[in-house]
Amino acid sequence: MNYIANIGIGDLLFRPKFFGFMKLEHVGVVVPQNMVLHNTPERGEHVSTVQEFAAGQAVRVQKTGSNSADVLSRANKVLADPKRYNPAFRNCEHTAFEVISGVAKSPFVLAVVGILLFIGLLVWLLRR
């Protein structure tokens, strides 16, 4: 099944990636002419073809319903001052969510921070 067909501006694309022993997903945002804006450790924030983004992996599409004009405006702003990749402060999720919503956020980083805070609280409570 071709998961890359019928994509539009503002759709999120996901493909598998590995972070050490963990299987995660790399995310990018579709911009005009079937290109993808994403952030990688090798190149930072940049635009590539859908095929280059896929890197031979199956791609999952998530329709966002985002306004195309808003997505393009935010994408141009990101590309005017592209940031380097940083796993905690500017990863592919930060870039994609900024382009889609205007707010750079990473659900993965937020989950990790939440888990670490919970573990810290447990350790603190057990030492009391």
N, C-alpha and C. Protein backbone atom coordinates (compact mmCIF):
# COMPACT_ATOMS: atom_id res chain seq x y z
N MET A 1 0.84 -1.18 0.00
CA MET A 1 0.00 0.00 0.00
C MET A 1 0.89 1.25 0.00
N ASN A 2 0.56 2.23 -0.82
CA ASN A 2 1.38 3.44 -0.92
C ASN A 2 0.84 4.49 0.05
N TYR A 3 1.56 4.70 1.14
CA TYR A 3 1.14 5.65 2.16
C TYR A 3 1.53 7.09 1.80
N ILE A 4 2.24 7.25 0.68
CA ILE A 4 2.72 8.57 0.32
C ILE A 4 1.76 9.25 -0.65
N ALA A 5 0.79 8.54 -1.19
CA ALA A 5 -0.17 9.13 -2.12
C ALA A 5 -1.15 10.04 -1.37
N ASN A 6 -1.71 10.98 -2.09
CA ASN A 6 -2.77 11.87 -1.58
C ASN A 6 -2.35 12.68 -0.35
N ILE A 7 -1.16 13.23 -0.40
CA ILE A 7 -0.73 14.09 0.70
C ILE A 7 -0.95 15.54 0.30
N GLY A 8 -1.15 16.38 1.30
CA GLY A 8 -1.37 17.79 1.05
C GLY A 8 -0.56 18.67 1.98
N ILE A 9 -0.49 19.93 1.66
CA ILE A 9 0.25 20.89 2.48
C ILE A 9 -0.27 20.84 3.92
N GLY A 10 0.65 20.69 4.85
CA GLY A 10 0.29 20.65 6.27
C GLY A 10 0.11 19.26 6.83
N ASP A 11 0.09 18.24 5.97
CA ASP A 11 0.01 16.87 6.49
C ASP A 11 1.32 16.53 7.19
N LEU A 12 1.23 15.73 8.23
CA LEU A 12 2.43 15.23 8.91
C LEU A 12 2.79 13.88 8.32
N LEU A 13 4.06 13.67 8.07
CA LEU A 13 4.57 12.38 7.62
C LEU A 13 5.43 11.79 8.72
N PHE A 14 5.28 10.50 8.95
CA PHE A 14 6.04 9.78 9.97
C PHE A 14 6.71 8.58 9.33
N ARG A 15 7.95 8.33 9.72
CA ARG A 15 8.64 7.10 9.32
C ARG A 15 9.44 6.59 10.51
N PRO A 16 9.66 5.29 10.56
CA PRO A 16 10.41 4.73 11.68
C PRO A 16 11.85 5.24 11.72
N LYS A 17 12.37 5.39 12.93
CA LYS A 17 13.80 5.66 13.14
C LYS A 17 14.17 5.02 14.46
N PHE A 18 15.43 4.80 14.65
CA PHE A 18 15.88 4.16 15.87
C PHE A 18 16.77 5.12 16.65
N PHE A 19 16.55 5.17 17.95
CA PHE A 19 17.33 6.01 18.87
C PHE A 19 17.89 5.05 19.90
N GLY A 20 19.11 4.60 19.65
CA GLY A 20 19.68 3.56 20.52
C GLY A 20 18.86 2.30 20.37
N PHE A 21 18.31 1.82 21.46
CA PHE A 21 17.50 0.60 21.44
C PHE A 21 16.02 0.89 21.22
N MET A 22 15.64 2.17 21.18
CA MET A 22 14.23 2.53 21.05
C MET A 22 13.84 2.79 19.60
N LYS A 23 12.69 2.30 19.22
CA LYS A 23 12.14 2.60 17.91
C LYS A 23 11.22 3.80 18.06
N LEU A 24 11.55 4.87 17.38
CA LEU A 24 10.77 6.10 17.42
C LEU A 24 10.26 6.40 16.02
N GLU A 25 9.67 7.58 15.85
CA GLU A 25 9.25 8.01 14.52
C GLU A 25 9.86 9.36 14.21
N HIS A 26 10.33 9.50 12.98
CA HIS A 26 10.80 10.78 12.47
C HIS A 26 9.58 11.45 11.84
N VAL A 27 9.43 12.76 12.07
CA VAL A 27 8.25 13.46 11.58
C VAL A 27 8.66 14.67 10.74
N GLY A 28 7.88 14.93 9.71
CA GLY A 28 8.08 16.09 8.85
C GLY A 28 6.73 16.62 8.41
N VAL A 29 6.73 17.81 7.82
CA VAL A 29 5.51 18.47 7.36
C VAL A 29 5.56 18.63 5.85
N VAL A 30 4.47 18.27 5.19
CA VAL A 30 4.39 18.42 3.74
C VAL A 30 4.25 19.90 3.41
N VAL A 31 5.10 20.36 2.51
CA VAL A 31 5.02 21.72 1.98
C VAL A 31 4.80 21.59 0.47
N PRO A 32 4.70 22.67 -0.28
CA PRO A 32 4.33 22.55 -1.69
C PRO A 32 5.17 21.57 -2.50
N GLN A 33 4.55 21.10 -3.55
CA GLN A 33 5.18 20.23 -4.55
C GLN A 33 5.69 18.94 -3.95
N ASN A 34 4.93 18.39 -2.98
CA ASN A 34 5.29 17.11 -2.34
C ASN A 34 6.69 17.11 -1.74
N MET A 35 7.08 18.22 -1.18
CA MET A 35 8.34 18.32 -0.46
C MET A 35 8.01 18.27 1.04
N VAL A 36 9.04 17.97 1.84
CA VAL A 36 8.85 17.80 3.28
C VAL A 36 9.86 18.65 4.04
N LEU A 37 9.35 19.46 4.97
CA LEU A 37 10.22 20.23 5.87
C LEU A 37 10.41 19.38 7.11
N HIS A 38 11.66 19.11 7.46
CA HIS A 38 11.94 18.32 8.66
C HIS A 38 13.29 18.71 9.23
N ASN A 39 13.64 18.11 10.36
CA ASN A 39 14.86 18.45 11.08
C ASN A 39 15.63 17.16 11.37
N THR A 40 16.87 17.10 10.91
CA THR A 40 17.69 15.91 11.14
C THR A 40 19.01 16.30 11.79
N PRO A 41 19.64 15.35 12.50
CA PRO A 41 20.94 15.65 13.10
C PRO A 41 21.99 16.03 12.06
N GLU A 42 21.88 15.45 10.86
CA GLU A 42 22.88 15.69 9.83
C GLU A 42 22.74 17.06 9.16
N ARG A 43 21.50 17.51 8.96
CA ARG A 43 21.28 18.72 8.16
C ARG A 43 20.48 19.81 8.85
N GLY A 44 20.00 19.58 10.06
CA GLY A 44 19.16 20.56 10.72
C GLY A 44 17.84 20.71 9.98
N GLU A 45 17.21 21.88 10.12
CA GLU A 45 15.92 22.12 9.47
C GLU A 45 16.14 22.36 7.98
N HIS A 46 15.46 21.57 7.16
CA HIS A 46 15.63 21.67 5.72
C HIS A 46 14.43 21.04 5.01
N VAL A 47 14.38 21.21 3.71
CA VAL A 47 13.33 20.64 2.88
C VAL A 47 13.95 19.56 2.00
N SER A 48 13.24 18.45 1.88
CA SER A 48 13.69 17.37 1.01
C SER A 48 12.49 16.77 0.30
N THR A 49 12.76 15.89 -0.65
CA THR A 49 11.67 15.20 -1.32
C THR A 49 11.03 14.20 -0.36
N VAL A 50 9.81 13.80 -0.67
CA VAL A 50 9.14 12.79 0.14
C VAL A 50 9.96 11.50 0.14
N GLN A 51 10.51 11.14 -1.00
CA GLN A 51 11.30 9.91 -1.09
C GLN A 51 12.56 10.00 -0.22
N GLU A 52 13.21 11.14 -0.23
CA GLU A 52 14.40 11.31 0.62
C GLU A 52 14.00 11.23 2.09
N PHE A 53 12.89 11.87 2.46
CA PHE A 53 12.39 11.81 3.83
C PHE A 53 12.12 10.37 4.24
N ALA A 54 11.49 9.60 3.35
CA ALA A 54 11.12 8.21 3.66
C ALA A 54 12.33 7.33 3.92
N ALA A 55 13.43 7.61 3.26
CA ALA A 55 14.68 6.84 3.44
C ALA A 55 14.43 5.33 3.32
N GLY A 56 13.59 4.96 2.37
CA GLY A 56 13.33 3.54 2.12
C GLY A 56 12.37 2.89 3.10
N GLN A 57 11.81 3.67 4.03
CA GLN A 57 10.89 3.16 5.04
C GLN A 57 9.44 3.42 4.63
N ALA A 58 8.52 2.68 5.21
CA ALA A 58 7.09 2.96 5.02
C ALA A 58 6.77 4.29 5.71
N VAL A 59 5.95 5.10 5.07
CA VAL A 59 5.60 6.41 5.62
C VAL A 59 4.12 6.42 6.00
N ARG A 60 3.85 6.93 7.17
CA ARG A 60 2.49 7.09 7.66
C ARG A 60 2.10 8.56 7.52
N VAL A 61 0.88 8.81 7.03
CA VAL A 61 0.39 10.18 6.83
C VAL A 61 -0.67 10.49 7.89
N GLN A 62 -0.54 11.67 8.49
CA GLN A 62 -1.57 12.16 9.40
C GLN A 62 -2.08 13.49 8.87
N LYS A 63 -3.33 13.51 8.47
CA LYS A 63 -3.95 14.76 8.02
C LYS A 63 -4.13 15.67 9.23
N THR A 64 -3.78 16.95 9.08
CA THR A 64 -3.90 17.87 10.21
C THR A 64 -5.06 18.85 10.05
N GLY A 65 -5.49 19.07 8.82
CA GLY A 65 -6.54 20.06 8.59
C GLY A 65 -6.04 21.48 8.78
N SER A 66 -4.73 21.66 8.88
CA SER A 66 -4.16 22.99 9.08
C SER A 66 -4.37 23.85 7.84
N ASN A 67 -4.51 25.14 8.07
CA ASN A 67 -4.66 26.10 6.98
C ASN A 67 -3.36 26.17 6.18
N SER A 68 -3.46 25.91 4.87
CA SER A 68 -2.26 25.87 4.02
C SER A 68 -1.47 27.17 4.05
N ALA A 69 -2.17 28.30 4.01
CA ALA A 69 -1.48 29.59 4.01
C ALA A 69 -0.70 29.78 5.32
N ASP A 70 -1.29 29.39 6.44
CA ASP A 70 -0.60 29.51 7.73
C ASP A 70 0.61 28.59 7.78
N VAL A 71 0.43 27.35 7.28
CA VAL A 71 1.55 26.40 7.26
C VAL A 71 2.70 26.95 6.43
N LEU A 72 2.38 27.47 5.25
CA LEU A 72 3.43 28.00 4.37
C LEU A 72 4.12 29.20 4.99
N SER A 73 3.36 30.06 5.64
CA SER A 73 3.95 31.23 6.30
C SER A 73 4.92 30.80 7.40
N ARG A 74 4.49 29.85 8.23
CA ARG A 74 5.36 29.38 9.31
C ARG A 74 6.56 28.60 8.77
N ALA A 75 6.35 27.83 7.70
CA ALA A 75 7.46 27.09 7.08
C ALA A 75 8.51 28.07 6.55
N ASN A 76 8.06 29.13 5.89
CA ASN A 76 9.01 30.14 5.38
C ASN A 76 9.77 30.80 6.52
N LYS A 77 9.09 31.04 7.64
CA LYS A 77 9.75 31.64 8.80
C LYS A 77 10.82 30.70 9.36
N VAL A 78 10.49 29.40 9.46
CA VAL A 78 11.45 28.42 9.95
C VAL A 78 12.66 28.35 9.02
N LEU A 79 12.40 28.31 7.71
CA LEU A 79 13.49 28.19 6.75
C LEU A 79 14.32 29.46 6.60
N ALA A 80 13.76 30.61 7.00
CA ALA A 80 14.52 31.86 6.95
C ALA A 80 15.63 31.87 8.00
N ASP A 81 15.43 31.11 9.08
CA ASP A 81 16.43 31.01 10.15
C ASP A 81 16.46 29.56 10.65
N PRO A 82 16.95 28.63 9.81
CA PRO A 82 16.90 27.21 10.19
C PRO A 82 17.75 26.90 11.41
N LYS A 83 17.19 26.08 12.28
CA LYS A 83 17.88 25.70 13.52
C LYS A 83 18.57 24.35 13.34
N ARG A 84 19.63 24.18 14.10
CA ARG A 84 20.32 22.89 14.14
C ARG A 84 19.49 21.93 14.97
N TYR A 85 19.65 20.66 14.71
CA TYR A 85 18.95 19.62 15.45
C TYR A 85 19.49 19.54 16.87
N ASN A 86 18.60 19.45 17.84
CA ASN A 86 18.96 19.24 19.23
C ASN A 86 17.89 18.30 19.79
N PRO A 87 18.25 17.12 20.30
CA PRO A 87 17.23 16.16 20.71
C PRO A 87 16.29 16.67 21.79
N ALA A 88 16.74 17.55 22.66
CA ALA A 88 15.90 18.03 23.75
C ALA A 88 15.19 19.33 23.43
N PHE A 89 15.82 20.20 22.65
CA PHE A 89 15.28 21.54 22.47
C PHE A 89 14.84 21.88 21.05
N ARG A 90 15.27 21.11 20.06
CA ARG A 90 14.84 21.38 18.67
C ARG A 90 14.99 20.10 17.84
N ASN A 91 14.11 19.14 18.11
CA ASN A 91 14.12 17.92 17.33
C ASN A 91 13.07 18.00 16.22
N CYS A 92 12.86 16.90 15.51
CA CYS A 92 11.93 16.92 14.38
C CYS A 92 10.50 17.24 14.82
N GLU A 93 10.11 16.82 16.02
CA GLU A 93 8.77 17.15 16.51
C GLU A 93 8.63 18.65 16.76
N HIS A 94 9.62 19.27 17.38
CA HIS A 94 9.57 20.72 17.61
C HIS A 94 9.33 21.45 16.29
N THR A 95 10.11 21.08 15.27
CA THR A 95 10.00 21.75 13.97
C THR A 95 8.63 21.53 13.36
N ALA A 96 8.18 20.28 13.31
CA ALA A 96 6.89 19.97 12.69
C ALA A 96 5.74 20.67 13.39
N PHE A 97 5.72 20.63 14.72
CA PHE A 97 4.61 21.25 15.44
C PHE A 97 4.64 22.77 15.34
N GLU A 98 5.82 23.37 15.24
CA GLU A 98 5.87 24.81 15.03
C GLU A 98 5.26 25.18 13.68
N VAL A 99 5.57 24.41 12.66
CA VAL A 99 5.04 24.70 11.32
C VAL A 99 3.53 24.48 11.29
N ILE A 100 3.03 23.46 11.96
CA ILE A 100 1.60 23.16 11.96
C ILE A 100 0.80 24.11 12.84
N SER A 101 1.30 24.37 14.05
CA SER A 101 0.49 25.10 15.03
C SER A 101 1.05 26.45 15.45
N GLY A 102 2.31 26.71 15.14
CA GLY A 102 2.93 27.94 15.59
C GLY A 102 3.64 27.79 16.93
N VAL A 103 3.55 26.59 17.53
CA VAL A 103 4.18 26.34 18.83
C VAL A 103 5.12 25.15 18.68
N ALA A 104 6.40 25.39 18.97
CA ALA A 104 7.39 24.31 18.90
C ALA A 104 7.27 23.46 20.15
N LYS A 105 6.86 22.19 19.97
CA LYS A 105 6.74 21.29 21.11
C LYS A 105 7.11 19.88 20.67
N SER A 106 7.50 19.08 21.65
CA SER A 106 7.87 17.69 21.38
C SER A 106 7.16 16.81 22.40
N PRO A 107 6.10 16.10 21.98
CA PRO A 107 5.42 15.19 22.90
C PRO A 107 6.37 14.14 23.50
N PHE A 108 7.35 13.69 22.73
CA PHE A 108 8.30 12.71 23.25
C PHE A 108 9.13 13.30 24.38
N VAL A 109 9.67 14.50 24.19
CA VAL A 109 10.48 15.13 25.24
C VAL A 109 9.62 15.40 26.47
N LEU A 110 8.38 15.87 26.26
CA LEU A 110 7.49 16.11 27.40
C LEU A 110 7.21 14.82 28.17
N ALA A 111 7.03 13.70 27.46
CA ALA A 111 6.79 12.42 28.12
C ALA A 111 8.01 11.99 28.92
N VAL A 112 9.21 12.13 28.35
CA VAL A 112 10.43 11.76 29.05
C VAL A 112 10.61 12.61 30.31
N VAL A 113 10.39 13.91 30.19
CA VAL A 113 10.51 14.79 31.36
C VAL A 113 9.49 14.40 32.43
N GLY A 114 8.27 14.09 32.01
CA GLY A 114 7.24 13.67 32.97
C GLY A 114 7.62 12.39 33.69
N ILE A 115 8.15 11.43 32.96
CA ILE A 115 8.57 10.16 33.56
C ILE A 115 9.71 10.40 34.55
N LEU A 116 10.68 11.23 34.16
CA LEU A 116 11.80 11.53 35.05
C LEU A 116 11.34 12.25 36.32
N LEU A 117 10.41 13.18 36.18
CA LEU A 117 9.87 13.86 37.36
C LEU A 117 9.14 12.88 38.27
N PHE A 118 8.37 11.98 37.69
CA PHE A 118 7.64 10.98 38.47
C PHE A 118 8.62 10.09 39.22
N ILE A 119 9.66 9.63 38.54
CA ILE A 119 10.67 8.77 39.19
C ILE A 119 11.36 9.55 40.31
N GLY A 120 11.70 10.80 40.03
CA GLY A 120 12.33 11.63 41.07
C GLY A 120 11.43 11.79 42.28
N LEU A 121 10.16 11.99 42.06
CA LEU A 121 9.21 12.12 43.16
C LEU A 121 9.12 10.82 43.95
N LEU A 122 9.08 9.70 43.27
CA LEU A 122 9.04 8.40 43.96
C LEU A 122 10.29 8.19 44.81
N VAL A 123 11.44 8.48 44.24
CA VAL A 123 12.69 8.32 44.99
C VAL A 123 12.68 9.23 46.22
N TRP A 124 12.24 10.45 46.04
CA TRP A 124 12.18 11.40 47.16
C TRP A 124 11.24 10.89 48.25
N LEU A 125 10.06 10.40 47.83
CA LEU A 125 9.10 9.88 48.82
C LEU A 125 9.62 8.64 49.53
N LEU A 126 10.32 7.77 48.84
CA LEU A 126 10.84 6.55 49.45
C LEU A 126 11.98 6.82 50.40
N ARG A 127 12.69 7.92 50.22
CA ARG A 127 13.82 8.26 51.09
C ARG A 127 13.38 9.00 52.35
N ARG A 128 12.14 9.40 52.41
CA ARG A 128 11.66 10.16 53.56
C ARG A 128 11.45 9.28 54.74
